[in-house]
Amino acid sequence: MPLLEVVQTRQISASIRLTDSTATQVDQYAAFIRACADDVVEQALAYVFSKDRDFQDFLKSPEARKVASTLRIRKAPAAEASEPSAPKHLPGPVAAPLSPAKSA
């Protein structure tokens, strides 16, 4: 049994707008935890979604399945779309992907 479990997730690129002060704080928080800004936004949203009980109840409703997408998703080139996405901008060991070591 492997010691590490590596979960491959499909990532997309999306465009969002932030205020100047929020964008600055995202960068500052990323530096603070030695991660990239994408990871800060991803984890912050996942945290809020998981902690908001009213939102969790909404997700169970039929209305949640009818929500129209307003996120501006960028289409990936065909070569990138077929490969599992690997972060290309991780600035250090904290955000580096983990993989099991191979024995010699």
C-alpha atoms as a PDB file:
ATOM      1  CA  MET A   1       0.000   0.000   0.000  1.00  0.00           C
ATOM      2  CA  PRO A   2       1.505   3.375  -0.965  1.00  0.00           C
ATOM      3  CA  LEU A   3       2.332   5.873   1.759  1.00  0.00           C
ATOM      4  CA  LEU A   4       1.011   8.795  -0.277  1.00  0.00           C
ATOM      5  CA  GLU A   5      -2.195   9.191  -2.212  1.00  0.00           C
ATOM      6  CA  VAL A   6      -1.908  11.577  -5.143  1.00  0.00           C
ATOM      7  CA  VAL A   7      -5.244  12.892  -6.336  1.00  0.00           C
ATOM      8  CA  GLN A   8      -5.340  14.097  -9.927  1.00  0.00           C
ATOM      9  CA  THR A   9      -7.815  16.915 -10.334  1.00  0.00           C
ATOM     10  CA  ARG A  10      -9.008  18.538 -13.519  1.00  0.00           C
ATOM     11  CA  GLN A  11      -8.309  22.238 -13.462  1.00  0.00           C
ATOM     12  CA  ILE A  12      -9.694  24.967 -15.678  1.00  0.00           C
ATOM     13  CA  SER A  13      -8.628  28.539 -16.260  1.00  0.00           C
ATOM     14  CA  ALA A  14     -11.203  31.180 -15.502  1.00  0.00           C
ATOM     15  CA  SER A  15     -11.136  34.940 -15.497  1.00  0.00           C
ATOM     16  CA  ILE A  16     -12.455  36.868 -12.489  1.00  0.00           C
ATOM     17  CA  ARG A  17     -12.330  40.492 -11.428  1.00  0.00           C
ATOM     18  CA  LEU A  18     -11.114  41.572  -7.988  1.00  0.00           C
ATOM     19  CA  THR A  19     -10.700  44.953  -6.374  1.00  0.00           C
ATOM     20  CA  ASP A  20      -7.127  46.218  -6.172  1.00  0.00           C
ATOM     21  CA  SER A  21      -7.024  45.700  -2.423  1.00  0.00           C
ATOM     22  CA  THR A  22      -8.344  42.129  -2.627  1.00  0.00           C
ATOM     23  CA  ALA A  23      -5.858  41.221  -5.378  1.00  0.00           C
ATOM     24  CA  THR A  24      -3.034  42.654  -3.277  1.00  0.00           C
ATOM     25  CA  GLN A  25      -4.155  40.664  -0.238  1.00  0.00           C
ATOM     26  CA  VAL A  26      -4.376  37.454  -2.287  1.00  0.00           C
ATOM     27  CA  ASP A  27      -0.756  37.985  -3.356  1.00  0.00           C
ATOM     28  CA  GLN A  28       0.283  38.841   0.195  1.00  0.00           C
ATOM     29  CA  TYR A  29      -1.471  35.771   1.625  1.00  0.00           C
ATOM     30  CA  ALA A  30       0.135  33.596  -1.045  1.00  0.00           C
ATOM     31  CA  ALA A  31       3.558  34.899  -0.022  1.00  0.00           C
ATOM     32  CA  PHE A  32       2.676  34.400   3.645  1.00  0.00           C
ATOM     33  CA  ILE A  33       1.852  30.703   3.147  1.00  0.00           C
ATOM     34  CA  ARG A  34       4.432  30.190   0.387  1.00  0.00           C
ATOM     35  CA  ALA A  35       1.888  29.158  -2.233  1.00  0.00           C
ATOM     36  CA  CYS A  36       0.609  30.593  -5.474  1.00  0.00           C
ATOM     37  CA  ALA A  37      -2.335  32.980  -5.763  1.00  0.00           C
ATOM     38  CA  ASP A  38      -4.391  30.327  -7.581  1.00  0.00           C
ATOM     39  CA  ASP A  39      -4.074  28.002  -4.579  1.00  0.00           C
ATOM     40  CA  VAL A  40      -5.126  30.776  -2.178  1.00  0.00           C
ATOM     41  CA  VAL A  41      -8.292  31.494  -4.160  1.00  0.00           C
ATOM     42  CA  GLU A  42      -9.084  27.769  -4.621  1.00  0.00           C
ATOM     43  CA  GLN A  43      -8.626  26.920  -0.948  1.00  0.00           C
ATOM     44  CA  ALA A  44     -10.407  30.037   0.326  1.00  0.00           C
ATOM     45  CA  LEU A  45     -13.458  29.290  -1.789  1.00  0.00           C
ATOM     46  CA  ALA A  46     -13.453  25.600  -0.821  1.00  0.00           C
ATOM     47  CA  TYR A  47     -13.284  26.639   2.849  1.00  0.00           C
ATOM     48  CA  VAL A  48     -16.197  29.083   2.558  1.00  0.00           C
ATOM     49  CA  PHE A  49     -18.320  26.608   0.586  1.00  0.00           C
ATOM     50  CA  SER A  50     -17.746  23.847   3.147  1.00  0.00           C
ATOM     51  CA  LYS A  51     -18.475  26.062   6.183  1.00  0.00           C
ATOM     52  CA  ASP A  52     -21.617  27.810   4.908  1.00  0.00           C
ATOM     53  CA  ARG A  53     -24.483  25.584   6.113  1.00  0.00           C
ATOM     54  CA  ASP A  54     -27.131  27.549   4.217  1.00  0.00           C
ATOM     55  CA  PHE A  55     -25.126  27.042   1.011  1.00  0.00           C
ATOM     56  CA  GLN A  56     -24.825  23.307   1.738  1.00  0.00           C
ATOM     57  CA  ASP A  57     -28.613  23.156   2.079  1.00  0.00           C
ATOM     58  CA  PHE A  58     -29.011  25.103  -1.177  1.00  0.00           C
ATOM     59  CA  LEU A  59     -26.783  22.589  -2.992  1.00  0.00           C
ATOM     60  CA  LYS A  60     -29.272  19.846  -2.076  1.00  0.00           C
ATOM     61  CA  SER A  61     -32.165  21.758  -3.621  1.00  0.00           C
ATOM     62  CA  PRO A  62     -33.428  21.390  -7.217  1.00  0.00           C
ATOM     63  CA  GLU A  63     -32.746  25.101  -7.699  1.00  0.00           C
ATOM     64  CA  ALA A  64     -28.984  24.506  -7.386  1.00  0.00           C
ATOM     65  CA  ARG A  65     -29.011  22.295 -10.483  1.00  0.00           C
ATOM     66  CA  LYS A  66     -30.633  25.060 -12.541  1.00  0.00           C
ATOM     67  CA  VAL A  67     -28.070  27.808 -11.890  1.00  0.00           C
ATOM     68  CA  ALA A  68     -26.668  29.342 -15.077  1.00  0.00           C
ATOM     69  CA  SER A  69     -22.898  29.630 -15.259  1.00  0.00           C
ATOM     70  CA  THR A  70     -21.548  33.183 -15.081  1.00  0.00           C
ATOM     71  CA  LEU A  71     -17.867  32.277 -14.650  1.00  0.00           C
ATOM     72  CA  ARG A  72     -15.762  33.209 -17.680  1.00  0.00           C
ATOM     73  CA  ILE A  73     -13.947  29.939 -18.432  1.00  0.00           C
ATOM     74  CA  ARG A  74     -11.039  30.052 -20.853  1.00  0.00           C
ATOM     75  CA  LYS A  75     -10.809  27.205 -23.343  1.00  0.00           C
ATOM     76  CA  ALA A  76      -7.549  25.261 -23.149  1.00  0.00           C
ATOM     77  CA  PRO A  77      -5.650  24.305 -26.325  1.00  0.00           C
ATOM     78  CA  ALA A  78      -6.428  20.730 -27.437  1.00  0.00           C
ATOM     79  CA  ALA A  79      -2.999  19.370 -26.402  1.00  0.00           C
ATOM     80  CA  GLU A  80      -3.388  20.678 -22.853  1.00  0.00           C
ATOM     81  CA  ALA A  81      -7.003  19.573 -22.548  1.00  0.00           C
ATOM     82  CA  SER A  82      -6.139  15.905 -23.100  1.00  0.00           C
ATOM     83  CA  GLU A  83      -3.344  15.804 -20.510  1.00  0.00           C
ATOM     84  CA  PRO A  84      -3.927  15.864 -16.741  1.00  0.00           C
ATOM     85  CA  SER A  85      -3.214  19.393 -15.654  1.00  0.00           C
ATOM     86  CA  ALA A  86      -0.110  19.911 -13.592  1.00  0.00           C
ATOM     87  CA  PRO A  87       0.472  23.241 -11.882  1.00  0.00           C
ATOM     88  CA  LYS A  88       3.265  25.073 -13.680  1.00  0.00           C
ATOM     89  CA  HIS A  89       3.692  28.028 -11.365  1.00  0.00           C
ATOM     90  CA  LEU A  90       4.262  26.583  -7.913  1.00  0.00           C
ATOM     91  CA  PRO A  91       6.906  28.618  -6.085  1.00  0.00           C
ATOM     92  CA  GLY A  92       8.187  26.243  -3.466  1.00  0.00           C
ATOM     93  CA  PRO A  93       8.046  23.019  -1.561  1.00  0.00           C
ATOM     94  CA  VAL A  94       4.811  23.842   0.289  1.00  0.00           C
ATOM     95  CA  ALA A  95       2.746  23.799  -2.904  1.00  0.00           C
ATOM     96  CA  ALA A  96       4.802  21.174  -4.763  1.00  0.00           C
ATOM     97  CA  PRO A  97       2.895  18.067  -5.853  1.00  0.00           C
ATOM     98  CA  LEU A  98       3.654  14.901  -3.927  1.00  0.00           C
ATOM     99  CA  SER A  99       4.494  11.624  -5.594  1.00  0.00           C
ATOM    100  CA  PRO A 100       5.594   8.295  -4.176  1.00  0.00           C
ATOM    101  CA  ALA A 101       9.319   7.631  -4.236  1.00  0.00           C
ATOM    102  CA  LYS A 102      10.533   4.872  -6.524  1.00  0.00           C
ATOM    103  CA  SER A 103      12.805   2.205  -5.152  1.00  0.00           C
ATOM    104  CA  ALA A 104      16.099   1.625  -6.870  1.00  0.00           C
END
